[in-house]
Amino acid sequence: MIRSLALAAALVLTTAPALAQTAAPAPAAASDAKFTVDTTMAELIADPQAKVVVGAFFEKRRIAAGAPPMTPEESAGLAEMIGGLSPRQLAEFPQANLDDAAVAELDALLRAIPAQPAG
């Protein structure tokens, strides 16, 4: 059985191959933020900077909840299931263990990712 969506997302980010960007792009935010909690998981995972941010966020939550790591098979299946959903949409599922504070924290982390790489 697939464990908590939010807690498993960290392993999806580290063990599953990058997802193809098949979902429609997220609506443009009022700010110049490259990513927000309204960006799909597939888009987040496809970007190296966002993948690190989201992976660290969900890994921290998995550890705090005491959830065991997922198998590669579970991670791959979960990646397919959640690729078209945004973190905000995932928060609607109780299994995701994402309250308003967690969504706000992740949104701030994602908005801090620079739109253009420094260089």
N, C-alpha and C. Protein backbone atom coordinates (compact mmCIF):
# COMPACT_ATOMS: atom_id res chain seq x y z
N MET A 1 0.84 -1.17 0.00
CA MET A 1 0.00 0.00 0.00
C MET A 1 0.89 1.24 0.00
N ILE A 2 0.49 2.22 -0.76
CA ILE A 2 1.31 3.43 -0.86
C ILE A 2 1.14 4.26 0.40
N ARG A 3 2.28 4.63 0.96
CA ARG A 3 2.27 5.42 2.20
C ARG A 3 1.92 6.87 1.90
N SER A 4 1.96 7.68 2.89
CA SER A 4 1.59 9.10 2.80
C SER A 4 2.20 9.77 1.57
N LEU A 5 1.38 10.47 0.81
CA LEU A 5 1.84 11.14 -0.41
C LEU A 5 2.96 12.13 -0.14
N ALA A 6 2.79 12.95 0.83
CA ALA A 6 3.80 13.97 1.09
C ALA A 6 5.11 13.36 1.56
N LEU A 7 5.02 12.40 2.42
CA LEU A 7 6.23 11.79 2.95
C LEU A 7 6.95 10.98 1.90
N ALA A 8 6.22 10.44 0.95
CA ALA A 8 6.83 9.64 -0.10
C ALA A 8 7.44 10.48 -1.20
N ALA A 9 6.99 11.69 -1.34
CA ALA A 9 7.47 12.53 -2.43
C ALA A 9 8.99 12.71 -2.38
N ALA A 10 9.56 12.76 -1.19
CA ALA A 10 11.01 12.92 -1.08
C ALA A 10 11.74 11.78 -1.77
N LEU A 11 11.26 10.58 -1.59
CA LEU A 11 11.91 9.46 -2.23
C LEU A 11 11.66 9.44 -3.73
N VAL A 12 10.50 9.89 -4.14
CA VAL A 12 10.23 9.99 -5.56
C VAL A 12 11.25 10.90 -6.20
N LEU A 13 11.55 11.97 -5.52
CA LEU A 13 12.47 12.96 -6.06
C LEU A 13 13.90 12.43 -6.15
N THR A 14 14.23 11.49 -5.30
CA THR A 14 15.61 11.02 -5.28
C THR A 14 15.81 9.67 -5.96
N THR A 15 14.74 8.87 -6.13
CA THR A 15 14.94 7.54 -6.70
C THR A 15 14.27 7.33 -8.03
N ALA A 16 13.23 8.08 -8.34
CA ALA A 16 12.54 7.89 -9.62
C ALA A 16 13.19 8.77 -10.67
N PRO A 17 13.18 8.34 -11.93
CA PRO A 17 13.73 9.19 -12.97
C PRO A 17 12.88 10.46 -13.12
N ALA A 18 13.48 11.48 -13.69
CA ALA A 18 12.74 12.74 -13.88
C ALA A 18 11.50 12.48 -14.71
N LEU A 19 10.42 13.13 -14.31
CA LEU A 19 9.15 12.94 -15.01
C LEU A 19 9.09 13.81 -16.25
N ALA A 20 8.45 13.33 -17.28
CA ALA A 20 8.23 14.14 -18.47
C ALA A 20 7.24 15.24 -18.12
N GLN A 21 7.39 16.38 -18.75
CA GLN A 21 6.49 17.49 -18.48
C GLN A 21 5.26 17.36 -19.36
N THR A 22 4.30 16.57 -18.90
CA THR A 22 3.09 16.35 -19.68
C THR A 22 1.93 17.20 -19.20
N ALA A 23 2.04 17.75 -18.02
CA ALA A 23 0.95 18.56 -17.47
C ALA A 23 1.01 19.97 -18.05
N ALA A 24 -0.13 20.61 -18.08
CA ALA A 24 -0.18 22.00 -18.53
C ALA A 24 0.60 22.87 -17.56
N PRO A 25 1.24 23.92 -18.05
CA PRO A 25 1.99 24.78 -17.14
C PRO A 25 1.08 25.45 -16.12
N ALA A 26 1.64 25.70 -14.96
CA ALA A 26 0.88 26.37 -13.91
C ALA A 26 0.60 27.81 -14.34
N PRO A 27 -0.50 28.37 -13.89
CA PRO A 27 -0.79 29.76 -14.24
C PRO A 27 0.29 30.69 -13.72
N ALA A 28 0.53 31.75 -14.44
CA ALA A 28 1.56 32.70 -14.04
C ALA A 28 1.17 33.35 -12.72
N ALA A 29 2.12 33.44 -11.83
CA ALA A 29 1.88 34.06 -10.53
C ALA A 29 1.97 35.58 -10.68
N ALA A 30 1.42 36.27 -9.71
CA ALA A 30 1.45 37.72 -9.74
C ALA A 30 2.89 38.23 -9.62
N SER A 31 3.76 37.47 -8.98
CA SER A 31 5.15 37.88 -8.82
C SER A 31 5.98 37.26 -9.95
N ASP A 32 7.28 37.47 -9.87
CA ASP A 32 8.18 36.90 -10.87
C ASP A 32 8.73 35.56 -10.43
N ALA A 33 8.10 34.91 -9.47
CA ALA A 33 8.58 33.63 -8.97
C ALA A 33 8.55 32.59 -10.07
N LYS A 34 9.63 31.83 -10.15
CA LYS A 34 9.72 30.76 -11.14
C LYS A 34 8.83 29.59 -10.74
N PHE A 35 8.79 29.29 -9.43
CA PHE A 35 8.01 28.17 -8.93
C PHE A 35 7.19 28.59 -7.71
N THR A 36 6.04 27.94 -7.53
CA THR A 36 5.20 28.13 -6.36
C THR A 36 4.58 26.78 -6.01
N VAL A 37 3.76 26.75 -4.99
CA VAL A 37 3.06 25.50 -4.65
C VAL A 37 1.96 25.19 -5.64
N ASP A 38 1.76 26.04 -6.63
CA ASP A 38 0.79 25.77 -7.68
C ASP A 38 1.45 25.18 -8.93
N THR A 39 2.76 25.00 -8.90
CA THR A 39 3.49 24.36 -9.98
C THR A 39 3.35 22.85 -9.82
N THR A 40 3.18 22.12 -10.92
CA THR A 40 3.01 20.67 -10.79
C THR A 40 4.28 20.00 -10.29
N MET A 41 4.09 18.87 -9.67
CA MET A 41 5.23 18.09 -9.18
C MET A 41 6.14 17.70 -10.34
N ALA A 42 5.57 17.39 -11.50
CA ALA A 42 6.38 17.02 -12.66
C ALA A 42 7.32 18.15 -13.05
N GLU A 43 6.81 19.37 -13.04
CA GLU A 43 7.64 20.53 -13.38
C GLU A 43 8.71 20.75 -12.31
N LEU A 44 8.34 20.59 -11.05
CA LEU A 44 9.30 20.78 -9.96
C LEU A 44 10.42 19.74 -10.04
N ILE A 45 10.05 18.51 -10.28
CA ILE A 45 11.04 17.43 -10.34
C ILE A 45 11.95 17.58 -11.55
N ALA A 46 11.44 18.16 -12.62
CA ALA A 46 12.22 18.32 -13.84
C ALA A 46 13.30 19.40 -13.71
N ASP A 47 13.14 20.31 -12.78
CA ASP A 47 14.11 21.39 -12.59
C ASP A 47 15.09 21.01 -11.49
N PRO A 48 16.40 21.03 -11.76
CA PRO A 48 17.37 20.60 -10.74
C PRO A 48 17.29 21.37 -9.43
N GLN A 49 17.12 22.68 -9.47
CA GLN A 49 17.05 23.47 -8.24
C GLN A 49 15.78 23.16 -7.46
N ALA A 50 14.66 23.12 -8.15
CA ALA A 50 13.39 22.85 -7.48
C ALA A 50 13.37 21.43 -6.92
N LYS A 51 13.97 20.49 -7.64
CA LYS A 51 14.00 19.10 -7.18
C LYS A 51 14.73 18.99 -5.84
N VAL A 52 15.82 19.71 -5.70
CA VAL A 52 16.58 19.70 -4.44
C VAL A 52 15.74 20.31 -3.32
N VAL A 53 15.10 21.44 -3.59
CA VAL A 53 14.30 22.12 -2.57
C VAL A 53 13.13 21.24 -2.12
N VAL A 54 12.39 20.71 -3.08
CA VAL A 54 11.22 19.89 -2.76
C VAL A 54 11.66 18.58 -2.09
N GLY A 55 12.73 17.99 -2.59
CA GLY A 55 13.23 16.75 -2.00
C GLY A 55 13.62 16.92 -0.55
N ALA A 56 14.35 18.00 -0.25
CA ALA A 56 14.77 18.25 1.14
C ALA A 56 13.55 18.53 2.02
N PHE A 57 12.59 19.29 1.51
CA PHE A 57 11.39 19.61 2.28
C PHE A 57 10.63 18.34 2.65
N PHE A 58 10.35 17.48 1.67
CA PHE A 58 9.58 16.28 1.95
C PHE A 58 10.38 15.24 2.73
N GLU A 59 11.68 15.20 2.55
CA GLU A 59 12.50 14.27 3.34
C GLU A 59 12.46 14.67 4.81
N LYS A 60 12.55 15.96 5.07
CA LYS A 60 12.48 16.46 6.46
C LYS A 60 11.14 16.07 7.09
N ARG A 61 10.05 16.20 6.33
CA ARG A 61 8.73 15.85 6.85
C ARG A 61 8.61 14.34 7.05
N ARG A 62 9.20 13.55 6.16
CA ARG A 62 9.14 12.09 6.30
C ARG A 62 9.86 11.66 7.58
N ILE A 63 11.02 12.21 7.80
CA ILE A 63 11.80 11.86 8.98
C ILE A 63 11.07 12.30 10.25
N ALA A 64 10.53 13.51 10.25
CA ALA A 64 9.81 14.03 11.42
C ALA A 64 8.60 13.16 11.75
N ALA A 65 7.96 12.61 10.74
CA ALA A 65 6.79 11.77 10.97
C ALA A 65 7.17 10.33 11.30
N GLY A 66 8.45 10.01 11.18
CA GLY A 66 8.90 8.65 11.47
C GLY A 66 8.47 7.64 10.43
N ALA A 67 8.21 8.09 9.22
CA ALA A 67 7.78 7.17 8.16
C ALA A 67 8.99 6.47 7.55
N PRO A 68 8.84 5.19 7.22
CA PRO A 68 9.95 4.47 6.61
C PRO A 68 10.12 4.86 5.14
N PRO A 69 11.32 4.69 4.62
CA PRO A 69 11.54 4.96 3.19
C PRO A 69 10.68 4.03 2.32
N MET A 70 10.39 4.49 1.12
CA MET A 70 9.63 3.69 0.17
C MET A 70 10.59 2.88 -0.69
N THR A 71 10.06 1.81 -1.26
CA THR A 71 10.84 1.03 -2.21
C THR A 71 10.90 1.79 -3.53
N PRO A 72 11.86 1.49 -4.40
CA PRO A 72 11.90 2.14 -5.71
C PRO A 72 10.61 1.92 -6.51
N GLU A 73 10.01 0.76 -6.37
CA GLU A 73 8.76 0.48 -7.09
C GLU A 73 7.63 1.39 -6.59
N GLU A 74 7.54 1.55 -5.28
CA GLU A 74 6.52 2.44 -4.72
C GLU A 74 6.78 3.88 -5.16
N SER A 75 8.03 4.29 -5.15
CA SER A 75 8.39 5.65 -5.56
C SER A 75 8.02 5.91 -7.01
N ALA A 76 8.31 4.97 -7.88
CA ALA A 76 7.99 5.13 -9.30
C ALA A 76 6.48 5.22 -9.51
N GLY A 77 5.73 4.39 -8.81
CA GLY A 77 4.28 4.44 -8.92
C GLY A 77 3.72 5.75 -8.42
N LEU A 78 4.27 6.24 -7.32
CA LEU A 78 3.81 7.50 -6.76
C LEU A 78 4.15 8.66 -7.69
N ALA A 79 5.31 8.61 -8.31
CA ALA A 79 5.71 9.67 -9.24
C ALA A 79 4.70 9.79 -10.37
N GLU A 80 4.23 8.68 -10.87
CA GLU A 80 3.22 8.70 -11.93
C GLU A 80 1.90 9.29 -11.41
N MET A 81 1.54 8.93 -10.19
CA MET A 81 0.27 9.40 -9.63
C MET A 81 0.24 10.88 -9.36
N ILE A 82 1.33 11.44 -8.85
CA ILE A 82 1.30 12.83 -8.39
C ILE A 82 1.91 13.82 -9.37
N GLY A 83 2.45 13.37 -10.47
CA GLY A 83 3.14 14.26 -11.41
C GLY A 83 2.29 15.42 -11.89
N GLY A 84 1.02 15.20 -12.09
CA GLY A 84 0.14 16.26 -12.59
C GLY A 84 -0.46 17.13 -11.50
N LEU A 85 -0.14 16.84 -10.25
CA LEU A 85 -0.68 17.61 -9.13
C LEU A 85 0.35 18.60 -8.61
N SER A 86 -0.13 19.69 -8.11
CA SER A 86 0.75 20.66 -7.46
C SER A 86 0.82 20.32 -5.96
N PRO A 87 1.82 20.83 -5.25
CA PRO A 87 1.84 20.63 -3.81
C PRO A 87 0.56 21.13 -3.13
N ARG A 88 -0.01 22.23 -3.62
CA ARG A 88 -1.26 22.73 -3.03
C ARG A 88 -2.39 21.71 -3.21
N GLN A 89 -2.44 21.08 -4.38
CA GLN A 89 -3.45 20.05 -4.62
C GLN A 89 -3.19 18.81 -3.77
N LEU A 90 -1.92 18.45 -3.59
CA LEU A 90 -1.60 17.31 -2.73
C LEU A 90 -2.06 17.55 -1.30
N ALA A 91 -2.00 18.81 -0.86
CA ALA A 91 -2.39 19.14 0.51
C ALA A 91 -3.86 18.87 0.77
N GLU A 92 -4.66 18.75 -0.26
CA GLU A 92 -6.08 18.45 -0.09
C GLU A 92 -6.32 17.02 0.38
N PHE A 93 -5.32 16.15 0.21
CA PHE A 93 -5.43 14.76 0.64
C PHE A 93 -4.90 14.64 2.07
N PRO A 94 -5.70 14.11 2.99
CA PRO A 94 -5.23 13.99 4.38
C PRO A 94 -3.93 13.19 4.50
N GLN A 95 -3.75 12.21 3.63
CA GLN A 95 -2.54 11.37 3.68
C GLN A 95 -1.28 12.18 3.40
N ALA A 96 -1.43 13.31 2.76
CA ALA A 96 -0.26 14.12 2.40
C ALA A 96 0.38 14.78 3.61
N ASN A 97 -0.37 14.92 4.70
CA ASN A 97 0.18 15.51 5.92
C ASN A 97 0.76 16.90 5.65
N LEU A 98 0.07 17.68 4.84
CA LEU A 98 0.51 19.04 4.53
C LEU A 98 -0.55 20.02 5.02
N ASP A 99 -0.29 20.65 6.16
CA ASP A 99 -1.22 21.66 6.66
C ASP A 99 -0.88 23.00 6.02
N ASP A 100 -1.65 24.02 6.37
CA ASP A 100 -1.46 25.34 5.77
C ASP A 100 -0.05 25.89 6.03
N ALA A 101 0.47 25.65 7.21
CA ALA A 101 1.81 26.13 7.54
C ALA A 101 2.87 25.46 6.67
N ALA A 102 2.72 24.17 6.44
CA ALA A 102 3.68 23.44 5.60
C ALA A 102 3.60 23.92 4.16
N VAL A 103 2.40 24.15 3.66
CA VAL A 103 2.24 24.65 2.30
C VAL A 103 2.87 26.03 2.17
N ALA A 104 2.67 26.89 3.17
CA ALA A 104 3.26 28.23 3.15
C ALA A 104 4.78 28.16 3.20
N GLU A 105 5.31 27.24 4.02
CA GLU A 105 6.77 27.08 4.11
C GLU A 105 7.34 26.64 2.77
N LEU A 106 6.70 25.64 2.14
CA LEU A 106 7.18 25.15 0.85
C LEU A 106 7.06 26.24 -0.21
N ASP A 107 5.97 27.01 -0.18
CA ASP A 107 5.79 28.08 -1.15
C ASP A 107 6.92 29.10 -1.03
N ALA A 108 7.29 29.47 0.19
CA ALA A 108 8.39 30.43 0.39
C ALA A 108 9.70 29.86 -0.15
N LEU A 109 9.95 28.58 0.10
CA LEU A 109 11.18 27.96 -0.40
C LEU A 109 11.21 27.94 -1.92
N LEU A 110 10.08 27.61 -2.54
CA LEU A 110 10.01 27.55 -4.00
C LEU A 110 10.15 28.94 -4.62
N ARG A 111 9.51 29.93 -4.02
CA ARG A 111 9.57 31.30 -4.55
C ARG A 111 10.99 31.87 -4.44
N ALA A 112 11.80 31.34 -3.54
CA ALA A 112 13.17 31.82 -3.36
C ALA A 112 14.12 31.30 -4.43
N ILE A 113 13.68 30.34 -5.21
CA ILE A 113 14.53 29.82 -6.29
C ILE A 113 14.63 30.90 -7.36
N PRO A 114 15.84 31.28 -7.72
CA PRO A 114 15.98 32.35 -8.72
C PRO A 114 15.41 31.96 -10.08
N ALA A 115 14.79 32.93 -10.73
CA ALA A 115 14.22 32.68 -12.05
C ALA A 115 15.30 32.39 -13.09
N GLN A 116 16.43 33.01 -12.94
CA GLN A 116 17.57 32.80 -13.85
C GLN A 116 18.78 32.36 -13.03
N PRO A 117 19.49 31.33 -13.49
CA PRO A 117 20.69 30.93 -12.75
C PRO A 117 21.70 32.08 -12.70
N ALA A 118 22.33 32.20 -11.55
CA ALA A 118 23.36 33.24 -11.39
C ALA A 118 24.55 32.90 -12.28
N GLY A 119 25.14 33.90 -12.85
CA GLY A 119 26.33 33.60 -13.64
C GLY A 119 26.58 34.54 -14.68
